Protein backbone atom coordinates (compact mmCIF):
# COMPACT_ATOMS: atom_id res chain seq x y z
CA MET A 1 0.26 -0.04 -0.13
CA LYS A 2 1.50 3.42 -0.98
CA VAL A 3 1.41 6.02 2.22
CA VAL A 4 1.56 9.54 1.21
CA VAL A 5 1.59 11.99 3.94
CA ALA A 6 1.17 15.56 3.50
CA LYS A 7 4.30 17.62 3.90
CA THR A 8 1.98 20.51 5.53
CA ALA A 9 0.56 18.14 8.08
CA GLY A 10 1.33 18.94 11.89
CA PHE A 11 1.71 22.15 14.09
CA CYS A 12 1.83 25.04 12.21
CA PHE A 13 4.13 28.31 13.17
CA GLY A 14 1.12 29.84 15.37
CA VAL A 15 0.46 26.19 17.51
CA ARG A 16 3.94 25.46 17.57
CA ARG A 17 4.81 28.84 19.14
CA ALA A 18 1.50 28.95 21.49
CA VAL A 19 2.84 25.44 22.95
CA GLU A 20 6.38 26.29 23.60
CA LYS A 21 5.29 29.20 25.37
CA VAL A 22 3.20 27.46 27.77
CA TYR A 23 5.86 24.52 28.37
CA GLU A 24 8.62 27.32 28.63
CA GLN A 25 6.44 28.46 31.63
CA VAL A 26 6.06 25.06 33.06
CA LYS A 27 9.84 24.70 32.79
CA ASN A 28 10.09 27.84 34.99
CA GLY A 29 8.13 26.99 37.50
CA CYS A 30 6.19 29.83 36.83
CA HIS A 31 3.06 28.26 39.19
CA PRO A 32 0.24 28.40 39.10
CA ILE A 33 -0.15 28.22 35.25
CA TYR A 34 -3.48 29.13 33.61
CA THR A 35 -4.53 29.16 29.94
CA TYR A 36 -7.34 31.06 29.11
CA GLY A 37 -9.28 28.34 27.18
CA PRO A 38 -7.61 25.11 25.55
CA ILE A 39 -4.16 26.50 24.74
CA ILE A 40 -5.30 24.42 21.11
CA HIS A 41 -7.33 22.11 19.87
CA ASN A 42 -6.02 18.86 20.77
CA GLU A 43 -7.12 16.96 23.25
CA SER A 44 -3.43 15.19 24.15
CA VAL A 45 -1.56 18.40 24.37
CA VAL A 46 -4.26 19.66 27.07
CA ASP A 47 -4.02 16.99 28.48
CA ASP A 48 -0.07 16.44 28.89
CA LEU A 49 -0.28 20.56 30.08
CA GLN A 50 -3.08 19.21 32.92
CA LYS A 51 -0.71 16.62 33.89
CA LYS A 52 2.35 19.04 34.28
CA GLY A 53 -0.41 21.72 36.21
CA VAL A 54 -1.57 23.83 33.96
CA HIS A 55 -5.48 24.55 34.36
CA VAL A 56 -7.90 25.55 31.34
CA LEU A 57 -10.11 28.55 32.40
CA GLN A 58 -13.43 28.49 30.34
CA THR A 59 -15.03 31.51 31.14
CA ARG A 60 -14.69 35.16 31.87
CA GLU A 61 -15.90 34.46 35.17
CA GLU A 62 -12.88 32.01 36.27
CA LEU A 63 -10.62 34.54 35.53
CA GLU A 64 -11.85 36.80 37.44
CA THR A 65 -11.58 34.61 40.64
CA LEU A 66 -8.31 34.90 39.99
CA THR A 67 -5.74 36.41 43.03
CA GLU A 68 -2.23 34.96 41.39
CA GLY A 69 -1.02 33.44 38.53
CA THR A 70 0.51 33.50 35.29
CA VAL A 71 -2.68 33.85 32.33
CA VAL A 72 -1.43 32.40 28.73
CA ILE A 73 -3.57 33.67 25.95
CA ARG A 74 -4.17 31.24 23.34
CA SER A 75 -3.32 31.26 19.80
CA HIS A 76 -6.66 31.94 18.64
CA GLY A 77 -6.73 35.30 20.47
CA VAL A 78 -8.93 37.02 22.58
CA GLU A 79 -10.94 39.92 23.20
CA ARG A 80 -9.64 43.42 24.00
CA GLU A 81 -11.60 43.09 27.56
CA ILE A 82 -9.88 39.77 28.43
CA TYR A 83 -6.17 41.80 28.41
CA ASP A 84 -7.97 44.79 30.10
CA LEU A 85 -9.12 42.12 33.05
CA ILE A 86 -5.78 40.06 33.36
CA SER A 87 -4.09 44.08 34.01
CA ARG A 88 -6.68 45.12 36.16
CA LYS A 89 -6.10 41.62 38.46
CA HIS A 90 -1.96 42.02 38.43
CA LEU A 91 -1.53 38.53 36.61
CA HIS A 92 1.34 37.93 35.10
CA LEU A 93 0.10 37.78 31.02
CA VAL A 94 2.27 35.60 28.72
CA ASP A 95 0.58 36.38 24.99
CA ALA A 96 0.61 33.26 22.91
CA THR A 97 -1.62 34.70 20.18
CA CYS A 98 -0.74 33.38 16.65
CA PRO A 99 1.07 36.50 14.84
CA TYR A 100 -1.44 35.86 12.13
CA VAL A 101 -4.37 36.78 13.88
CA LYS A 102 -2.97 39.45 16.54
CA LYS A 103 -2.54 41.22 12.61
CA ILE A 104 -6.41 40.98 11.98
CA HIS A 105 -6.83 42.43 15.71
CA LYS A 106 -4.70 45.24 14.53
CA ILE A 107 -6.53 45.51 11.29
CA VAL A 108 -10.21 46.04 13.40
CA GLU A 109 -9.35 47.95 15.91
CA ARG A 110 -7.90 50.41 13.32
CA GLU A 111 -10.55 50.45 10.49
CA SER A 112 -13.29 50.13 13.20
CA GLN A 113 -11.70 53.49 14.51
CA LYS A 114 -12.04 54.78 11.36
CA GLY A 115 -15.71 54.24 10.97
CA CYS A 116 -15.71 51.19 9.41
CA GLU A 117 -18.69 48.33 9.50
CA ILE A 118 -16.21 45.10 10.19
CA VAL A 119 -17.79 42.11 8.66
CA ILE A 120 -15.80 38.89 9.62
CA ILE A 121 -15.98 35.93 7.13
CA GLY A 122 -15.64 33.11 9.37
CA ASN A 123 -17.82 30.62 12.11
CA PRO A 124 -18.96 32.76 15.09
CA ASN A 125 -19.12 30.22 17.53
CA HIS A 126 -15.01 30.10 16.77
CA PRO A 127 -12.80 31.41 19.74
CA GLU A 128 -10.73 33.26 17.04
CA VAL A 129 -14.01 35.00 15.44
CA GLN A 130 -15.03 35.54 18.74
CA GLY A 131 -11.64 37.49 19.83
CA ILE A 132 -11.17 39.27 16.64
CA LYS A 133 -14.79 40.46 16.98
CA GLY A 134 -14.10 42.22 20.73
CA TRP A 135 -11.31 44.78 18.98
CA SER A 136 -13.93 46.92 16.70
CA VAL A 137 -15.59 49.75 18.03
CA THR A 138 -18.07 49.41 15.38
CA PRO A 139 -20.60 47.31 15.32
CA VAL A 140 -19.29 43.78 13.40
CA THR A 141 -21.51 41.04 11.01
CA ILE A 142 -20.28 37.75 10.97
CA ILE A 143 -20.58 35.59 7.62
CA GLU A 144 -20.55 32.35 7.30
CA THR A 145 -22.58 31.01 4.57
CA GLU A 146 -23.69 32.22 1.27
CA GLU A 147 -26.99 32.55 2.26
CA GLU A 148 -26.14 35.01 4.98
CA ALA A 149 -23.78 36.69 2.59
CA GLU A 150 -26.99 37.61 0.23
CA LYS A 151 -28.92 38.73 3.54
CA TYR A 152 -26.28 40.96 4.30
CA GLU A 153 -27.29 44.62 4.72
CA ASN A 154 -25.14 47.59 5.36
CA LEU A 155 -27.67 50.07 6.68
CA ASN A 156 -25.44 52.83 7.91
CA LYS A 157 -23.91 53.41 4.85
CA ASN A 158 -20.70 53.51 6.02
CA PRO A 159 -17.70 51.63 4.71
CA VAL A 160 -17.18 48.29 5.12
CA CYS A 161 -13.94 46.42 6.04
CA ILE A 162 -14.03 42.72 4.98
CA VAL A 163 -11.39 40.51 7.35
CA SER A 164 -11.93 36.66 7.45
CA GLN A 165 -10.88 34.11 10.23
CA THR A 166 -7.53 32.33 9.38
CA THR A 167 -8.76 28.63 8.91
CA PHE A 168 -11.55 29.17 6.91
CA ASN A 169 -11.71 27.75 3.37
CA TYR A 170 -9.93 30.38 0.56
CA ASN A 171 -12.30 28.97 -2.25
CA LYS A 172 -15.17 29.77 0.25
CA PHE A 173 -13.97 32.99 1.18
CA ASN A 174 -13.82 34.13 -2.28
CA LYS A 175 -17.19 32.86 -2.93
CA LEU A 176 -18.94 35.51 -0.39
CA VAL A 177 -16.37 37.80 -0.80
CA GLU A 178 -18.08 38.03 -4.50
CA ILE A 179 -21.79 37.86 -3.43
CA ILE A 180 -20.86 40.76 -0.60
CA SER A 181 -19.34 42.52 -3.29
CA LYS A 182 -22.39 42.59 -5.60
CA LYS A 183 -24.10 44.76 -3.39
CA ARG A 184 -21.86 48.11 -4.92
CA TYR A 185 -21.07 49.31 -0.62
CA ASP A 186 -17.72 50.82 -0.21
CA ILE A 187 -15.60 47.76 0.70
CA ILE A 188 -12.05 47.27 1.62
CA VAL A 189 -11.36 43.49 1.06
CA LEU A 190 -8.52 42.16 3.47
CA ASN A 191 -7.99 38.19 2.94
CA THR A 192 -6.63 37.17 5.97
CA ILE A 193 -6.35 33.73 5.71
CA CYS A 194 -3.07 32.57 6.53
CA SER A 195 -0.15 31.07 4.11
CA ALA A 196 -0.25 28.00 5.98
CA THR A 197 -3.39 27.08 5.70
CA GLU A 198 -3.88 28.09 2.29
CA GLU A 199 -0.95 25.78 1.56
CA ARG A 200 -2.26 23.09 3.64
CA GLN A 201 -5.72 23.27 1.89
CA THR A 202 -3.85 23.43 -1.38
CA GLU A 203 -1.98 20.12 -0.80
CA ALA A 204 -5.07 18.35 0.63
CA LYS A 205 -6.75 18.42 -2.34
CA GLN A 206 -4.42 17.72 -4.64
CA ILE A 207 -3.77 13.91 -2.10
CA SER A 208 -7.17 13.42 -1.85
CA ALA A 209 -7.84 13.61 -5.41
CA ALA A 210 -5.41 11.26 -6.30
CA ALA A 211 -5.87 8.76 -3.00
CA ASP A 212 -7.74 5.73 -2.87
CA CYS A 213 -8.60 6.54 0.77
CA MET A 214 -7.94 9.79 3.28
CA ILE A 215 -7.30 9.90 6.14
CA VAL A 216 -7.64 13.30 8.52
CA ILE A 217 -6.42 13.73 11.64
CA GLY A 218 -6.94 16.80 14.43
CA GLY A 219 -9.57 16.88 17.21
CA LYS A 220 -12.92 17.42 16.71
CA GLN A 221 -13.10 21.04 17.80
CA SER A 222 -10.59 22.25 15.45
CA SER A 223 -11.79 24.58 12.75
CA ASN A 224 -9.15 24.00 10.11
CA THR A 225 -9.50 20.29 10.59
CA GLN A 226 -12.86 20.23 9.74
CA LYS A 227 -12.60 22.40 6.81
CA LEU A 228 -9.55 19.93 5.26
CA PHE A 229 -12.03 16.91 5.83
CA GLU A 230 -14.84 19.18 3.84
CA ILE A 231 -12.12 19.76 0.85
CA CYS A 232 -10.53 15.71 1.06
CA LYS A 233 -14.72 14.32 1.33
CA LYS A 234 -15.58 16.66 -2.16
CA GLU A 235 -12.05 14.75 -3.95
CA CYS A 236 -12.20 11.06 -2.21
CA GLU A 237 -15.00 9.59 -0.98
CA ASN A 238 -13.08 7.52 1.44
CA THR A 239 -12.44 10.03 3.66
CA TYR A 240 -12.03 9.74 7.57
CA TYR A 241 -11.65 11.78 10.03
CA ILE A 242 -9.86 10.78 13.07
CA GLN A 243 -8.37 12.20 16.53
CA THR A 244 -5.71 9.59 17.15
CA LEU A 245 -4.72 6.14 16.21
CA ASP A 246 -7.55 4.56 18.69
CA ASP A 247 -10.23 5.98 16.14
CA LEU A 248 -8.74 4.42 13.10
CA ASP A 249 -10.21 1.11 11.96
CA ALA A 250 -7.28 -0.48 9.80
CA THR A 251 -9.90 -2.92 8.48
CA SER A 252 -11.73 -0.53 6.70
CA LEU A 253 -8.91 0.61 4.63
CA PRO A 254 -8.61 -0.39 0.89
CA SER A 255 -6.48 -3.31 0.67
CA MET A 256 -4.21 -1.83 -2.26
CA GLY A 257 -3.81 1.38 -3.59
CA CYS A 258 -2.85 4.73 -2.00
CA VAL A 259 -4.00 6.04 1.42
CA GLY A 260 -3.41 9.93 1.75
CA ILE A 261 -3.05 11.47 5.12
CA THR A 262 -2.78 14.94 6.23
CA ALA A 263 -3.24 16.93 9.58
CA GLY A 264 -4.66 19.78 11.21
CA ALA A 265 -2.77 22.56 12.77
CA SER A 266 -3.31 21.25 16.20
CA THR A 267 -1.82 18.03 15.65
CA PRO A 268 1.58 16.92 16.86
CA ASN A 269 3.97 15.19 14.46
CA ASN A 270 3.97 11.91 16.94
CA ILE A 271 0.38 11.47 16.57
CA ILE A 272 0.94 11.79 12.39
CA GLU A 273 3.46 9.26 12.50
CA GLU A 274 1.60 7.07 14.30
CA VAL A 275 -1.39 6.75 12.12
CA GLN A 276 1.13 6.42 8.99
CA LYS A 277 2.88 3.28 10.54
CA LYS A 278 0.00 1.98 11.01
CA CYS A 279 -1.32 2.44 7.14
CA GLN A 280 2.04 0.65 6.24
CA ILE A 281 1.88 -2.48 8.15
């Protein structure tokens, strides 16, 4: 059986940087250590950090109860008010926000201060999108589907600044922007999908188109992994979404031919290697 592993599979720059920052705090003995939300969308990494004494804060209310310690802002970023709260409580802040996400925060803050209405192309329930929204001083509209794009109206007639969740589907982003552009508003479009996401999606599409079976590895809460699964499923009907090797039923794989493997930005290399070895047996 031929096994093809995507070169772009696994930790991206922003995720690796965030995880390393947390382990650095553990190594330096900066206890108690908290992450505001899971540092990345990968259960095995979060579980390992918890064993090392890193606590996950799930809500703002939990953050408000703290009186001491180190708080790590996860790679997805947070709204501005969370930074203000950490400062007011005199907690030690470690900012592990992905630089690509941080760039969007600055764009949204700057353009909204100019009076632009902000449109975010992305999943409204994703922490990255919620964080981006929290940097605007003007109304924000979040659009994820073509139907929502068709219904969108700029009632106040101010200029519109469009940005994207970094892990959004590149082709879908362009389609939604095209729909909004037809409304002839005064629009500024900033494609803020990170280059690593574009490369990962492009490679996944190429591999799955040539494979008899495709395996996509990543956390169930990982937006970028879900997008990879959608892309691969369109190209290859035999596409499987797993979190770890335990989820893989090797008997369901074709007995011959080509198996492709890709993984989301929050998937550790050791999990990818385990799946690869299993497929080669």
